[in-house]
């Protein structure tokens, strides 16, 4: 009887130990993948453009769609190595409509969305890194990613900007769009065509994803987080039109619309122009 009881106690202890070790392993993996959150995080990675949508502007030598896919795939591998669940909106040279990209992202709970792009302009001198967000809960993610990407790039830091791009407005989660340099700028383009630099970009974006909880998520008058390791980046809110612009005459408005717009003349979501069902508004 004593031997039988001892055997049962041993089995129970072994079972408890196995359960404890399994739970500890899962908790450790969850903590690594979510930056301390209670459950794993899914990162939906969106490689801009693809298929017949080459990206960029007419006559641009370096194809944006190829650069974005390469960086996105490298980013996916870097995040998977850190324990994240990775979902790609495209993993080959295919065109995916904006609405489909958002639907893919919105089908996952407890997720974040990162759209990878490169910029272009008619002015060859335009260069640098920009990071876009739209919703309030996306600012910390944008700030963290921009901190690492712009900090390690050899070109200009163009800041964090708030703008209502389709994939930022229609995703129900923290979402950012990263412009990794101007492919129409000789220096930026040369770096982008270097595989080791694209790997560096991917690792910088991954570092921002992992550090997204290290910045304050709320707005402040100074745009700087207090007592945190990564400051909130200064940003430009480009979603609002001032009263003076609203009161322009129709004639000046027509002239303005004909003028080549913005330093980065390509909207980061140029897909909206090639897929009529996904046009803004």
C-alpha atoms as a PDB file:
ATOM      1  CA  UNK A   1       0.000   0.000   0.000  1.00  0.00           C
ATOM      2  CA  UNK A   2       2.840   2.403   0.886  1.00  0.00           C
ATOM      3  CA  UNK A   3       4.621   1.643  -2.389  1.00  0.00           C
ATOM      4  CA  UNK A   4       1.398   2.188  -4.361  1.00  0.00           C
ATOM      5  CA  UNK A   5       0.749   5.549  -2.686  1.00  0.00           C
ATOM      6  CA  UNK A   6       4.343   6.636  -3.267  1.00  0.00           C
ATOM      7  CA  UNK A   7       4.017   5.733  -6.954  1.00  0.00           C
ATOM      8  CA  UNK A   8       0.795   7.790  -7.256  1.00  0.00           C
ATOM      9  CA  UNK A   9       2.389  10.771  -5.527  1.00  0.00           C
ATOM     10  CA  UNK A  10       5.369  10.548  -7.875  1.00  0.00           C
ATOM     11  CA  UNK A  11       3.128  10.498 -10.930  1.00  0.00           C
ATOM     12  CA  UNK A  12       1.163  13.518  -9.669  1.00  0.00           C
ATOM     13  CA  UNK A  13       4.358  15.453  -8.992  1.00  0.00           C
ATOM     14  CA  UNK A  14       5.696  14.622 -12.452  1.00  0.00           C
ATOM     15  CA  UNK A  15       2.447  15.798 -14.018  1.00  0.00           C
ATOM     16  CA  UNK A  16       2.533  19.080 -12.130  1.00  0.00           C
ATOM     17  CA  UNK A  17       6.152  19.629 -13.137  1.00  0.00           C
ATOM     18  CA  UNK A  18       5.365  18.983 -16.817  1.00  0.00           C
ATOM     19  CA  UNK A  19       2.426  21.407 -16.713  1.00  0.00           C
ATOM     20  CA  UNK A  20       4.524  24.058 -15.002  1.00  0.00           C
ATOM     21  CA  UNK A  21       7.331  23.765 -17.546  1.00  0.00           C
ATOM     22  CA  UNK A  22       4.893  23.933 -20.480  1.00  0.00           C
ATOM     23  CA  UNK A  23       3.159  27.011 -19.093  1.00  0.00           C
ATOM     24  CA  UNK A  24       6.502  28.686 -18.385  1.00  0.00           C
ATOM     25  CA  UNK A  25       7.693  28.012 -21.935  1.00  0.00           C
ATOM     26  CA  UNK A  26       4.491  29.429 -23.445  1.00  0.00           C
ATOM     27  CA  UNK A  27       4.586  32.500 -21.206  1.00  0.00           C
ATOM     28  CA  UNK A  28       8.194  33.189 -22.138  1.00  0.00           C
ATOM     29  CA  UNK A  29       7.432  32.886 -25.834  1.00  0.00           C
ATOM     30  CA  UNK A  30       4.397  35.158 -25.503  1.00  0.00           C
ATOM     31  CA  UNK A  31       6.405  37.750 -23.616  1.00  0.00           C
ATOM     32  CA  UNK A  32       9.120  37.761 -26.269  1.00  0.00           C
ATOM     33  CA  UNK A  33       6.664  38.082 -29.130  1.00  0.00           C
ATOM     34  CA  UNK A  34       4.457  40.776 -27.689  1.00  0.00           C
ATOM     35  CA  UNK A  35       6.853  43.010 -25.783  1.00  0.00           C
ATOM     36  CA  UNK A  36       5.283  41.993 -22.473  1.00  0.00           C
ATOM     37  CA  UNK A  37       1.662  41.691 -23.606  1.00  0.00           C
ATOM     38  CA  UNK A  38      -0.459  38.758 -22.414  1.00  0.00           C
ATOM     39  CA  UNK A  39      -0.820  37.126 -25.829  1.00  0.00           C
ATOM     40  CA  UNK A  40       1.262  36.762 -28.992  1.00  0.00           C
ATOM     41  CA  UNK A  41       1.141  39.562 -31.531  1.00  0.00           C
ATOM     42  CA  UNK A  42       0.429  39.067 -35.223  1.00  0.00           C
ATOM     43  CA  UNK A  43       2.276  41.443 -37.535  1.00  0.00           C
ATOM     44  CA  UNK A  44       0.633  41.939 -40.914  1.00  0.00           C
ATOM     45  CA  UNK A  45       3.352  43.051 -43.332  1.00  0.00           C
ATOM     46  CA  UNK A  46       2.231  44.844 -46.468  1.00  0.00           C
ATOM     47  CA  UNK A  47       4.715  45.080 -49.354  1.00  0.00           C
ATOM     48  CA  UNK A  48       3.538  48.085 -51.338  1.00  0.00           C
ATOM     49  CA  UNK A  49       2.465  47.788 -54.996  1.00  0.00           C
ATOM     50  CA  UNK A  50       3.069  44.603 -56.999  1.00  0.00           C
ATOM     51  CA  UNK A  51       2.062  42.984 -60.270  1.00  0.00           C
ATOM     52  CA  UNK A  52       1.182  45.561 -62.911  1.00  0.00           C
ATOM     53  CA  UNK A  53       1.514  48.333 -60.309  1.00  0.00           C
ATOM     54  CA  UNK A  54       5.243  49.009 -60.431  1.00  0.00           C
ATOM     55  CA  UNK A  55       5.088  51.930 -58.021  1.00  0.00           C
ATOM     56  CA  UNK A  56       6.945  55.197 -58.267  1.00  0.00           C
ATOM     57  CA  UNK A  57       6.610  57.722 -61.086  1.00  0.00           C
ATOM     58  CA  UNK A  58       6.789  57.334 -64.878  1.00  0.00           C
ATOM     59  CA  UNK A  59      10.320  56.749 -66.116  1.00  0.00           C
ATOM     60  CA  UNK A  60      11.630  55.689 -62.708  1.00  0.00           C
ATOM     61  CA  UNK A  61      14.545  53.303 -63.200  1.00  0.00           C
ATOM     62  CA  UNK A  62      14.375  51.318 -59.944  1.00  0.00           C
ATOM     63  CA  UNK A  63      11.150  49.349 -59.488  1.00  0.00           C
ATOM     64  CA  UNK A  64       9.528  50.113 -56.143  1.00  0.00           C
ATOM     65  CA  UNK A  65       7.468  46.917 -56.067  1.00  0.00           C
ATOM     66  CA  UNK A  66      10.629  44.779 -56.066  1.00  0.00           C
ATOM     67  CA  UNK A  67      12.313  46.764 -53.306  1.00  0.00           C
ATOM     68  CA  UNK A  68       9.248  46.716 -51.049  1.00  0.00           C
ATOM     69  CA  UNK A  69       8.762  42.963 -51.432  1.00  0.00           C
ATOM     70  CA  UNK A  70      12.382  42.223 -50.607  1.00  0.00           C
ATOM     71  CA  UNK A  71      12.376  44.408 -47.470  1.00  0.00           C
ATOM     72  CA  UNK A  72       8.987  43.001 -46.399  1.00  0.00           C
ATOM     73  CA  UNK A  73      10.202  39.412 -46.713  1.00  0.00           C
ATOM     74  CA  UNK A  74      13.359  40.197 -44.752  1.00  0.00           C
ATOM     75  CA  UNK A  75      11.230  41.925 -42.108  1.00  0.00           C
ATOM     76  CA  UNK A  76       9.003  38.869 -41.877  1.00  0.00           C
ATOM     77  CA  UNK A  77      11.956  36.576 -41.240  1.00  0.00           C
ATOM     78  CA  UNK A  78      13.378  38.946 -38.617  1.00  0.00           C
ATOM     79  CA  UNK A  79      10.077  39.091 -36.720  1.00  0.00           C
ATOM     80  CA  UNK A  80       9.493  35.344 -36.937  1.00  0.00           C
ATOM     81  CA  UNK A  81      12.924  34.830 -35.398  1.00  0.00           C
ATOM     82  CA  UNK A  82      11.716  36.974 -32.466  1.00  0.00           C
ATOM     83  CA  UNK A  83       8.613  34.817 -31.987  1.00  0.00           C
ATOM     84  CA  UNK A  84       6.019  36.920 -33.786  1.00  0.00           C
ATOM     85  CA  UNK A  85       3.319  35.519 -36.011  1.00  0.00           C
ATOM     86  CA  UNK A  86       3.805  37.037 -39.467  1.00  0.00           C
ATOM     87  CA  UNK A  87       1.174  37.450 -42.177  1.00  0.00           C
ATOM     88  CA  UNK A  88       2.108  38.826 -45.616  1.00  0.00           C
ATOM     89  CA  UNK A  89      -0.472  40.651 -47.737  1.00  0.00           C
ATOM     90  CA  UNK A  90       1.598  39.537 -50.712  1.00  0.00           C
ATOM     91  CA  UNK A  91       4.619  37.250 -50.877  1.00  0.00           C
ATOM     92  CA  UNK A  92       5.272  37.402 -54.617  1.00  0.00           C
ATOM     93  CA  UNK A  93       4.994  39.818 -57.545  1.00  0.00           C
ATOM     94  CA  UNK A  94       1.190  40.053 -57.625  1.00  0.00           C
ATOM     95  CA  UNK A  95      -1.207  42.985 -57.411  1.00  0.00           C
ATOM     96  CA  UNK A  96      -3.385  43.044 -54.283  1.00  0.00           C
ATOM     97  CA  UNK A  97      -6.143  45.716 -54.104  1.00  0.00           C
ATOM     98  CA  UNK A  98      -6.059  48.063 -51.134  1.00  0.00           C
ATOM     99  CA  UNK A  99      -9.377  46.761 -49.816  1.00  0.00           C
ATOM    100  CA  UNK A 100      -8.057  43.212 -49.834  1.00  0.00           C
ATOM    101  CA  UNK A 101      -4.921  44.252 -47.966  1.00  0.00           C
ATOM    102  CA  UNK A 102      -7.062  45.840 -45.255  1.00  0.00           C
ATOM    103  CA  UNK A 103      -9.408  42.840 -45.131  1.00  0.00           C
ATOM    104  CA  UNK A 104      -6.448  40.523 -44.586  1.00  0.00           C
ATOM    105  CA  UNK A 105      -5.203  42.675 -41.725  1.00  0.00           C
ATOM    106  CA  UNK A 106      -8.623  43.102 -40.120  1.00  0.00           C
ATOM    107  CA  UNK A 107      -9.198  39.349 -40.055  1.00  0.00           C
ATOM    108  CA  UNK A 108      -6.602  38.991 -37.284  1.00  0.00           C
ATOM    109  CA  UNK A 109      -7.125  39.949 -33.673  1.00  0.00           C
ATOM    110  CA  UNK A 110      -4.369  41.435 -31.539  1.00  0.00           C
ATOM    111  CA  UNK A 111      -2.403  42.489 -34.617  1.00  0.00           C
ATOM    112  CA  UNK A 112      -0.414  45.419 -35.944  1.00  0.00           C
ATOM    113  CA  UNK A 113       0.008  46.502 -39.569  1.00  0.00           C
ATOM    114  CA  UNK A 114       3.228  47.648 -41.248  1.00  0.00           C
ATOM    115  CA  UNK A 115       3.177  48.800 -44.878  1.00  0.00           C
ATOM    116  CA  UNK A 116       6.590  49.027 -46.577  1.00  0.00           C
ATOM    117  CA  UNK A 117       7.153  51.592 -49.344  1.00  0.00           C
ATOM    118  CA  UNK A 118       9.855  53.607 -51.052  1.00  0.00           C
ATOM    119  CA  UNK A 119       9.328  57.193 -52.121  1.00  0.00           C
ATOM    120  CA  UNK A 120       9.806  59.050 -55.410  1.00  0.00           C
ATOM    121  CA  UNK A 121       9.807  62.629 -56.676  1.00  0.00           C
ATOM    122  CA  UNK A 122      10.318  64.591 -59.851  1.00  0.00           C
ATOM    123  CA  UNK A 123      13.047  66.514 -58.002  1.00  0.00           C
ATOM    124  CA  UNK A 124      16.116  64.262 -57.868  1.00  0.00           C
ATOM    125  CA  UNK A 125      17.405  66.022 -54.762  1.00  0.00           C
ATOM    126  CA  UNK A 126      14.490  64.858 -52.591  1.00  0.00           C
ATOM    127  CA  UNK A 127      15.668  62.202 -50.138  1.00  0.00           C
ATOM    128  CA  UNK A 128      15.054  60.777 -46.715  1.00  0.00           C
ATOM    129  CA  UNK A 129      12.865  58.624 -44.488  1.00  0.00           C
ATOM    130  CA  UNK A 130       9.202  59.293 -43.654  1.00  0.00           C
ATOM    131  CA  UNK A 131       6.837  57.302 -41.449  1.00  0.00           C
ATOM    132  CA  UNK A 132       3.066  57.763 -41.646  1.00  0.00           C
ATOM    133  CA  UNK A 133       0.245  57.008 -39.229  1.00  0.00           C
ATOM    134  CA  UNK A 134      -3.407  58.018 -38.957  1.00  0.00           C
ATOM    135  CA  UNK A 135      -5.142  56.839 -35.785  1.00  0.00           C
ATOM    136  CA  UNK A 136      -4.190  57.924 -32.278  1.00  0.00           C
ATOM    137  CA  UNK A 137      -3.224  54.407 -31.207  1.00  0.00           C
ATOM    138  CA  UNK A 138      -0.735  54.156 -34.089  1.00  0.00           C
ATOM    139  CA  UNK A 139       1.505  57.036 -33.019  1.00  0.00           C
ATOM    140  CA  UNK A 140       3.664  55.035 -30.614  1.00  0.00           C
ATOM    141  CA  UNK A 141       4.285  52.340 -33.229  1.00  0.00           C
ATOM    142  CA  UNK A 142       5.140  54.958 -35.861  1.00  0.00           C
ATOM    143  CA  UNK A 143       7.429  56.768 -33.466  1.00  0.00           C
ATOM    144  CA  UNK A 144       9.322  53.623 -32.489  1.00  0.00           C
ATOM    145  CA  UNK A 145       9.778  52.409 -36.067  1.00  0.00           C
ATOM    146  CA  UNK A 146      10.836  55.842 -37.292  1.00  0.00           C
ATOM    147  CA  UNK A 147      13.309  56.160 -34.426  1.00  0.00           C
ATOM    148  CA  UNK A 148      15.217  53.093 -35.599  1.00  0.00           C
ATOM    149  CA  UNK A 149      14.827  53.424 -39.379  1.00  0.00           C
ATOM    150  CA  UNK A 150      15.686  57.127 -39.625  1.00  0.00           C
ATOM    151  CA  UNK A 151      18.377  56.781 -36.985  1.00  0.00           C
ATOM    152  CA  UNK A 152      20.261  54.228 -39.057  1.00  0.00           C
ATOM    153  CA  UNK A 153      19.691  55.719 -42.517  1.00  0.00           C
ATOM    154  CA  UNK A 154      22.338  57.841 -44.272  1.00  0.00           C
ATOM    155  CA  UNK A 155      19.731  60.216 -45.702  1.00  0.00           C
ATOM    156  CA  UNK A 156      17.507  62.946 -44.282  1.00  0.00           C
ATOM    157  CA  UNK A 157      15.073  62.376 -41.407  1.00  0.00           C
ATOM    158  CA  UNK A 158      11.797  63.725 -42.814  1.00  0.00           C
ATOM    159  CA  UNK A 159       9.837  62.936 -39.664  1.00  0.00           C
ATOM    160  CA  UNK A 160       6.622  61.194 -38.667  1.00  0.00           C
ATOM    161  CA  UNK A 161       3.564  62.429 -40.550  1.00  0.00           C
ATOM    162  CA  UNK A 162      -0.157  61.961 -40.034  1.00  0.00           C
ATOM    163  CA  UNK A 163      -2.027  61.342 -43.256  1.00  0.00           C
ATOM    164  CA  UNK A 164      -5.186  59.482 -44.197  1.00  0.00           C
ATOM    165  CA  UNK A 165      -3.850  56.855 -46.582  1.00  0.00           C
ATOM    166  CA  UNK A 166      -6.364  54.126 -47.360  1.00  0.00           C
ATOM    167  CA  UNK A 167      -4.547  51.301 -45.580  1.00  0.00           C
ATOM    168  CA  UNK A 168      -4.082  53.473 -42.493  1.00  0.00           C
ATOM    169  CA  UNK A 169      -7.723  54.572 -42.334  1.00  0.00           C
ATOM    170  CA  UNK A 170      -9.298  51.209 -43.056  1.00  0.00           C
ATOM    171  CA  UNK A 171      -7.288  48.956 -40.747  1.00  0.00           C
ATOM    172  CA  UNK A 172      -8.702  48.376 -37.267  1.00  0.00           C
ATOM    173  CA  UNK A 173      -5.378  48.190 -35.437  1.00  0.00           C
ATOM    174  CA  UNK A 174      -2.177  50.172 -34.931  1.00  0.00           C
ATOM    175  CA  UNK A 175      -0.978  50.753 -38.498  1.00  0.00           C
ATOM    176  CA  UNK A 176       1.983  52.548 -40.046  1.00  0.00           C
ATOM    177  CA  UNK A 177       3.378  53.131 -43.504  1.00  0.00           C
ATOM    178  CA  UNK A 178       7.165  53.466 -43.816  1.00  0.00           C
ATOM    179  CA  UNK A 179       8.776  55.290 -46.743  1.00  0.00           C
ATOM    180  CA  UNK A 180      12.309  53.843 -46.776  1.00  0.00           C
ATOM    181  CA  UNK A 181      13.942  56.424 -49.040  1.00  0.00           C
ATOM    182  CA  UNK A 182      13.570  58.022 -52.471  1.00  0.00           C
ATOM    183  CA  UNK A 183      14.283  55.709 -55.400  1.00  0.00           C
ATOM    184  CA  UNK A 184      14.493  58.791 -57.624  1.00  0.00           C
ATOM    185  CA  UNK A 185      17.418  60.102 -55.583  1.00  0.00           C
ATOM    186  CA  UNK A 186      20.741  58.647 -56.828  1.00  0.00           C
ATOM    187  CA  UNK A 187      22.157  58.157 -53.338  1.00  0.00           C
ATOM    188  CA  UNK A 188      18.991  56.715 -51.778  1.00  0.00           C
ATOM    189  CA  UNK A 189      18.483  54.456 -54.808  1.00  0.00           C
ATOM    190  CA  UNK A 190      22.041  53.153 -54.635  1.00  0.00           C
ATOM    191  CA  UNK A 191      21.573  52.210 -50.999  1.00  0.00           C
ATOM    192  CA  UNK A 192      18.191  50.599 -51.687  1.00  0.00           C
ATOM    193  CA  UNK A 193      19.691  48.347 -54.352  1.00  0.00           C
ATOM    194  CA  UNK A 194      22.222  47.012 -51.855  1.00  0.00           C
ATOM    195  CA  UNK A 195      20.999  43.781 -50.216  1.00  0.00           C
ATOM    196  CA  UNK A 196      22.828  44.454 -46.957  1.00  0.00           C
ATOM    197  CA  UNK A 197      21.143  47.853 -46.677  1.00  0.00           C
ATOM    198  CA  UNK A 198      17.709  46.352 -47.300  1.00  0.00           C
ATOM    199  CA  UNK A 199      18.472  43.871 -44.531  1.00  0.00           C
ATOM    200  CA  UNK A 200      19.420  46.787 -42.290  1.00  0.00           C
ATOM    201  CA  UNK A 201      16.108  48.483 -43.079  1.00  0.00           C
ATOM    202  CA  UNK A 202      14.194  45.308 -42.221  1.00  0.00           C
ATOM    203  CA  UNK A 203      16.023  44.887 -38.937  1.00  0.00           C
ATOM    204  CA  UNK A 204      15.405  48.530 -38.030  1.00  0.00           C
ATOM    205  CA  UNK A 205      11.665  48.183 -38.664  1.00  0.00           C
ATOM    206  CA  UNK A 206      11.655  44.964 -36.619  1.00  0.00           C
ATOM    207  CA  UNK A 207      13.427  46.770 -33.765  1.00  0.00           C
ATOM    208  CA  UNK A 208      10.709  49.413 -33.850  1.00  0.00           C
ATOM    209  CA  UNK A 209       7.988  46.764 -33.691  1.00  0.00           C
ATOM    210  CA  UNK A 210       9.650  45.103 -30.717  1.00  0.00           C
ATOM    211  CA  UNK A 211      10.085  48.468 -28.956  1.00  0.00           C
ATOM    212  CA  UNK A 212       6.630  49.864 -29.679  1.00  0.00           C
ATOM    213  CA  UNK A 213       5.705  49.720 -25.975  1.00  0.00           C
ATOM    214  CA  UNK A 214       8.733  51.814 -25.012  1.00  0.00           C
ATOM    215  CA  UNK A 215       7.138  55.058 -26.116  1.00  0.00           C
ATOM    216  CA  UNK A 216       4.122  56.858 -24.737  1.00  0.00           C
ATOM    217  CA  UNK A 217       0.984  56.141 -26.761  1.00  0.00           C
ATOM    218  CA  UNK A 218      -0.803  59.401 -25.971  1.00  0.00           C
ATOM    219  CA  UNK A 219      -0.408  62.794 -27.600  1.00  0.00           C
ATOM    220  CA  UNK A 220       1.335  65.590 -25.744  1.00  0.00           C
ATOM    221  CA  UNK A 221       2.015  69.224 -26.476  1.00  0.00           C
ATOM    222  CA  UNK A 222       5.739  68.583 -26.860  1.00  0.00           C
ATOM    223  CA  UNK A 223       5.383  65.243 -28.704  1.00  0.00           C
ATOM    224  CA  UNK A 224       8.046  63.833 -26.391  1.00  0.00           C
ATOM    225  CA  UNK A 225       7.467  60.900 -24.077  1.00  0.00           C
ATOM    226  CA  UNK A 226       8.503  61.391 -20.482  1.00  0.00           C
ATOM    227  CA  UNK A 227      10.631  58.853 -18.634  1.00  0.00           C
ATOM    228  CA  UNK A 228      10.756  56.543 -21.643  1.00  0.00           C
ATOM    229  CA  UNK A 229      13.681  55.268 -23.683  1.00  0.00           C
ATOM    230  CA  UNK A 230      12.346  56.278 -27.124  1.00  0.00           C
ATOM    231  CA  UNK A 231      10.910  59.769 -27.643  1.00  0.00           C
ATOM    232  CA  UNK A 232       7.798  60.445 -29.629  1.00  0.00           C
ATOM    233  CA  UNK A 233       8.964  61.851 -32.936  1.00  0.00           C
ATOM    234  CA  UNK A 234       7.939  65.344 -34.080  1.00  0.00           C
ATOM    235  CA  UNK A 235       5.262  64.973 -36.703  1.00  0.00           C
ATOM    236  CA  UNK A 236       3.268  66.951 -39.221  1.00  0.00           C
ATOM    237  CA  UNK A 237      -0.508  66.580 -39.269  1.00  0.00           C
ATOM    238  CA  UNK A 238      -1.397  66.635 -42.952  1.00  0.00           C
ATOM    239  CA  UNK A 239      -5.035  65.605 -42.563  1.00  0.00           C
ATOM    240  CA  UNK A 240      -6.369  69.125 -42.084  1.00  0.00           C
ATOM    241  CA  UNK A 241      -6.794  72.014 -44.518  1.00  0.00           C
ATOM    242  CA  UNK A 242      -6.462  75.538 -43.162  1.00  0.00           C
ATOM    243  CA  UNK A 243      -9.155  78.149 -43.643  1.00  0.00           C
ATOM    244  CA  UNK A 244      -6.980  80.183 -46.010  1.00  0.00           C
ATOM    245  CA  UNK A 245      -6.668  77.204 -48.318  1.00  0.00           C
ATOM    246  CA  UNK A 246     -10.403  76.602 -48.210  1.00  0.00           C
ATOM    247  CA  UNK A 247     -11.061  80.191 -49.270  1.00  0.00           C
ATOM    248  CA  UNK A 248      -8.879  80.080 -52.337  1.00  0.00           C
ATOM    249  CA  UNK A 249     -10.522  81.088 -55.573  1.00  0.00           C
ATOM    250  CA  UNK A 250     -11.560  78.396 -58.016  1.00  0.00           C
ATOM    251  CA  UNK A 251      -9.002  79.715 -60.442  1.00  0.00           C
ATOM    252  CA  UNK A 252      -6.083  79.317 -58.056  1.00  0.00           C
ATOM    253  CA  UNK A 253      -7.387  75.901 -57.043  1.00  0.00           C
ATOM    254  CA  UNK A 254      -7.350  74.789 -60.674  1.00  0.00           C
ATOM    255  CA  UNK A 255      -3.796  76.051 -61.055  1.00  0.00           C
ATOM    256  CA  UNK A 256      -2.786  74.238 -57.906  1.00  0.00           C
ATOM    257  CA  UNK A 257      -4.279  70.956 -59.096  1.00  0.00           C
ATOM    258  CA  UNK A 258      -2.320  71.174 -62.344  1.00  0.00           C
ATOM    259  CA  UNK A 259       0.905  71.839 -60.524  1.00  0.00           C
ATOM    260  CA  UNK A 260       3.176  68.888 -59.705  1.00  0.00           C
ATOM    261  CA  UNK A 261       2.337  68.189 -56.084  1.00  0.00           C
ATOM    262  CA  UNK A 262       4.510  67.696 -53.027  1.00  0.00           C
ATOM    263  CA  UNK A 263       8.198  67.000 -52.750  1.00  0.00           C
ATOM    264  CA  UNK A 264       7.424  63.296 -52.678  1.00  0.00           C
ATOM    265  CA  UNK A 265       5.144  63.529 -55.687  1.00  0.00           C
ATOM    266  CA  UNK A 266       4.059  59.895 -55.482  1.00  0.00           C
ATOM    267  CA  UNK A 267       1.387  59.267 -52.858  1.00  0.00           C
ATOM    268  CA  UNK A 268       2.577  56.284 -50.881  1.00  0.00           C
ATOM    269  CA  UNK A 269      -0.649  54.507 -51.792  1.00  0.00           C
ATOM    270  CA  UNK A 270      -0.439  54.897 -55.579  1.00  0.00           C
ATOM    271  CA  UNK A 271      -2.462  51.699 -55.858  1.00  0.00           C
ATOM    272  CA  UNK A 272      -5.520  53.873 -55.237  1.00  0.00           C
ATOM    273  CA  UNK A 273      -5.036  55.350 -58.692  1.00  0.00           C
ATOM    274  CA  UNK A 274      -4.804  52.000 -60.471  1.00  0.00           C
ATOM    275  CA  UNK A 275      -7.711  50.288 -58.736  1.00  0.00           C
ATOM    276  CA  UNK A 276     -10.867  52.358 -59.140  1.00  0.00           C
ATOM    277  CA  UNK A 277     -12.743  50.449 -56.454  1.00  0.00           C
ATOM    278  CA  UNK A 278     -10.133  51.525 -53.910  1.00  0.00           C
ATOM    279  CA  UNK A 279      -9.996  55.233 -54.635  1.00  0.00           C
ATOM    280  CA  UNK A 280      -9.990  57.613 -51.708  1.00  0.00           C
ATOM    281  CA  UNK A 281     -13.272  59.185 -50.706  1.00  0.00           C
END
